[in-house]
Protein backbone atom coordinates (compact mmCIF):
# COMPACT_ATOMS: atom_id res chain seq x y z
CA MET A 1 11.89 -6.17 6.30
CA ASP A 2 9.09 -8.71 6.31
CA ALA A 3 5.44 -7.65 6.23
CA ASN A 4 4.32 -11.18 7.20
CA ALA A 5 6.43 -11.09 10.38
CA TRP A 6 4.92 -7.72 11.32
CA ASP A 7 1.43 -9.03 10.58
CA GLU A 8 2.06 -11.88 13.02
CA ARG A 9 3.30 -9.44 15.68
CA TYR A 10 0.19 -7.29 15.27
CA LYS A 11 -2.13 -10.31 15.30
CA ALA A 12 -0.62 -11.54 18.57
CA SER A 13 -1.91 -8.51 20.47
CA GLU A 14 -4.97 -6.29 20.41
CA ARG A 15 -2.62 -3.32 20.36
CA LEU A 16 1.15 -3.60 19.97
CA TRP A 17 1.97 0.07 20.70
CA PRO A 18 0.40 2.62 23.07
CA ALA A 19 -2.52 4.61 21.66
CA GLU A 20 -1.02 8.00 22.54
CA PRO A 21 1.42 9.63 20.15
CA ASN A 22 5.16 9.41 20.50
CA ARG A 23 6.30 12.10 22.95
CA TRP A 24 8.81 13.59 20.49
CA VAL A 25 6.27 13.71 17.67
CA ALA A 26 3.86 15.56 19.97
CA ARG A 27 6.59 17.97 21.10
CA GLU A 28 8.01 18.73 17.65
CA THR A 29 4.65 19.19 15.91
CA ALA A 30 2.93 21.18 18.68
CA GLY A 31 3.57 24.57 17.09
CA LEU A 32 2.86 23.58 13.49
CA THR A 33 -0.21 24.77 11.62
CA PRO A 34 -2.22 21.69 10.59
CA GLY A 35 -2.20 20.85 6.90
CA ARG A 36 -1.46 17.71 4.97
CA ALA A 37 0.81 15.07 6.57
CA LEU A 38 2.51 11.88 5.40
CA ASP A 39 3.29 9.27 8.08
CA LEU A 40 5.75 6.76 6.59
CA ALA A 41 5.79 3.33 8.31
CA ALA A 42 2.80 4.38 10.41
CA GLY A 43 2.38 1.07 12.24
CA GLU A 44 -1.01 1.01 13.95
CA GLY A 45 -1.40 4.72 13.28
CA ARG A 46 -0.99 6.25 16.73
CA ASN A 47 0.79 9.35 15.42
CA ALA A 48 -1.41 9.65 12.31
CA LEU A 49 -4.62 9.46 14.34
CA TRP A 50 -3.30 11.94 16.91
CA LEU A 51 -2.36 14.38 14.16
CA ALA A 52 -5.79 13.99 12.55
CA GLY A 53 -7.36 14.80 15.91
CA ARG A 54 -5.50 18.12 15.75
CA GLY A 55 -6.80 19.01 12.30
CA TRP A 56 -4.23 17.37 10.01
CA ARG A 57 -5.22 15.41 6.89
CA VAL A 58 -2.95 12.38 7.04
CA ASP A 59 -1.79 9.72 4.59
CA ALA A 60 -0.60 6.84 6.82
CA VAL A 61 1.56 4.31 4.94
CA ASP A 62 2.61 0.89 6.19
CA PHE A 63 3.42 -2.45 4.59
CA SER A 64 1.52 -4.58 7.11
CA PRO A 65 -2.05 -5.29 5.99
CA VAL A 66 -3.05 -5.88 9.63
CA ALA A 67 -1.66 -2.49 10.69
CA VAL A 68 -3.27 -0.69 7.75
CA ARG A 69 -6.62 -2.30 8.56
CA ARG A 70 -6.30 -1.13 12.18
CA ILE A 71 -5.55 2.42 11.05
CA ALA A 72 -8.54 2.45 8.69
CA GLU A 73 -10.90 1.04 11.33
CA ALA A 74 -9.75 3.54 13.97
CA ALA A 75 -10.04 6.42 11.49
CA ASP A 76 -13.61 5.34 10.62
CA ARG A 77 -14.58 5.11 14.30
CA ARG A 78 -13.17 8.57 15.02
CA GLN A 79 -14.25 10.07 11.70
CA ALA A 80 -10.63 11.15 11.34
CA GLU A 81 -9.09 12.43 8.13
CA VAL A 82 -6.63 9.57 7.78
CA ARG A 83 -6.13 7.67 4.55
CA ALA A 84 -4.56 4.27 5.33
CA VAL A 85 -2.28 3.05 2.53
CA GLU A 86 -0.74 -0.42 2.28
CA ALA A 87 2.69 0.01 0.69
CA ASP A 88 6.36 -0.66 1.24
CA VAL A 89 7.85 2.76 2.09
CA THR A 90 11.10 1.88 0.31
CA ARG A 91 9.15 1.80 -2.96
CA TYR A 92 6.30 4.19 -2.19
CA ALA A 93 5.59 6.86 -4.80
CA ALA A 94 4.49 9.83 -2.69
CA GLU A 95 3.32 13.02 -4.38
CA ASP A 96 6.14 15.51 -4.83
CA ALA A 97 6.01 18.72 -2.76
CA ALA A 98 2.54 17.83 -1.46
CA TYR A 99 2.91 17.62 2.33
CA ASP A 100 3.22 20.15 5.13
CA LEU A 101 4.66 17.43 7.38
CA VAL A 102 6.51 14.22 6.55
CA LEU A 103 7.01 11.94 9.55
CA LEU A 104 9.25 8.91 10.03
CA SER A 105 8.83 7.44 13.51
CA TYR A 106 10.97 4.44 14.49
CA LEU A 107 11.58 3.28 10.96
CA HIS A 108 14.77 1.22 11.00
CA LEU A 109 16.16 0.01 7.70
CA PRO A 110 19.49 -0.99 6.20
CA PRO A 111 21.46 2.11 5.10
CA GLN A 112 20.64 1.96 1.39
CA ASP A 113 16.89 1.58 2.02
CA MET A 114 16.92 4.30 4.67
CA ALA A 115 18.71 6.70 2.31
CA ARG A 116 15.98 6.07 -0.27
CA VAL A 117 13.21 6.81 2.28
CA LEU A 118 14.93 9.95 3.59
CA ALA A 119 15.20 11.21 -0.01
CA LEU A 120 11.51 10.36 -0.57
CA ALA A 121 10.65 12.43 2.52
CA CYS A 122 12.51 15.42 1.05
CA ARG A 123 10.70 15.14 -2.26
CA ALA A 124 7.31 14.72 -0.60
CA ALA A 125 7.57 17.81 1.62
CA ARG A 126 6.47 21.12 0.14
CA PRO A 127 8.81 24.12 0.44
CA GLY A 128 8.42 25.37 4.00
CA GLY A 129 7.11 21.96 5.10
CA THR A 130 8.48 20.03 8.05
CA LEU A 131 10.50 16.83 7.96
CA LEU A 132 10.57 14.91 11.24
CA LEU A 133 12.45 11.74 12.11
CA VAL A 134 12.34 9.98 15.47
CA GLY A 135 14.24 6.73 15.88
CA HIS A 136 16.34 4.56 18.16
CA ASP A 137 19.75 6.21 18.23
CA VAL A 138 22.88 4.15 17.59
CA ALA A 139 24.15 5.23 21.05
CA ASN A 140 21.22 3.30 22.52
CA LEU A 141 23.17 0.06 22.04
CA GLU A 142 25.67 0.90 24.76
CA GLN A 143 24.02 3.69 26.74
CA GLY A 144 20.28 3.00 26.51
CA THR A 145 17.72 0.25 26.42
CA GLY A 146 15.41 -1.39 23.88
CA GLY A 147 15.13 -1.04 20.13
CA PRO A 148 16.88 -2.98 17.37
CA GLN A 149 20.27 -4.41 18.29
CA ASP A 150 21.78 -4.12 14.80
CA PRO A 151 23.83 -0.90 14.62
CA ARG A 152 23.42 -0.76 10.82
CA VAL A 153 19.70 0.01 11.12
CA LEU A 154 19.86 2.49 13.98
CA THR A 155 19.71 6.24 13.41
CA SER A 156 22.02 9.12 14.27
CA THR A 157 21.59 12.87 14.15
CA GLU A 158 24.64 13.14 11.89
CA GLY A 159 23.31 10.61 9.39
CA VAL A 160 19.86 12.20 9.13
CA GLU A 161 21.30 15.72 8.93
CA ALA A 162 23.63 14.65 6.11
CA ALA A 163 20.75 13.06 4.19
CA TRP A 164 18.50 16.11 4.53
CA GLU A 165 21.15 18.83 4.15
CA PRO A 166 20.74 19.09 0.34
CA CYS A 167 17.01 19.82 0.62
CA ALA A 168 16.26 21.24 4.06
CA ASP A 169 17.48 23.32 6.97
CA VAL A 170 17.79 21.34 10.21
CA VAL A 171 16.30 23.16 13.20
CA VAL A 172 16.44 20.36 15.81
CA ALA A 173 19.02 17.56 15.98
CA GLU A 174 19.33 15.85 19.33
CA ILE A 175 19.71 12.59 21.14
CA ALA A 176 16.70 12.65 23.45
CA ARG A 177 16.39 10.55 26.60
CA ARG A 178 13.11 8.66 26.98
CA PRO A 179 12.25 6.86 30.25
CA VAL A 180 11.54 3.14 29.87
CA GLY A 181 10.71 1.76 33.30
CA GLU A 182 13.80 2.27 35.46
CA ALA A 183 16.05 2.75 32.41
CA GLU A 184 16.32 5.24 29.54
CA ALA A 185 16.22 4.82 25.79
CA LEU A 186 18.17 7.17 23.56
CA ASP A 187 16.25 8.51 20.56
CA THR A 188 17.41 10.43 17.51
CA VAL A 189 15.14 13.45 16.98
CA VAL A 190 15.69 15.51 13.84
CA ARG A 191 13.31 18.21 12.59
CA ALA A 192 14.04 20.13 9.42
CA VAL A 193 12.29 22.66 7.20
CA ARG A 194 12.20 21.94 3.46
CA ARG A 195 13.77 24.65 1.30
């Protein structure tokens, strides 16, 4: 993980990702009562800003100063309740049991780092709070398109379920098909409720 490389990617384009939220984030959070949310590895903040527009108070964390600046500027323009935080999510000290929603959207890390972030998500969610992970599924390498090409950093429903089983009850665990032009990408979607 290299914040400088991500800064360069963000600087090369006015907007690297679409402004609308991820389709699975929108689907899985649609029925939730707004409260306090933590968006880990928020990128340019598309999900955080969308959640704030629906009444959530969001802490959006990313390690790219360029991305964090974009989140803060967009939040100011929209008068959205989003606090942009520059931090490496593998070392971030989130408040324990403070969030009604903890979101990880397309965060792809080596297994040891990912295990640390999944455990952080469990600690950060309050009892009854929602944990949500969306990522490029490992099956995407052979059956889908796009995303990282290193199988060690890709997600799987089994891996996320195993990580969250000690702290939460999984209510959704699927490999979801997302159209990408004429092809499809395969995404891991796991939603759990913190015990």
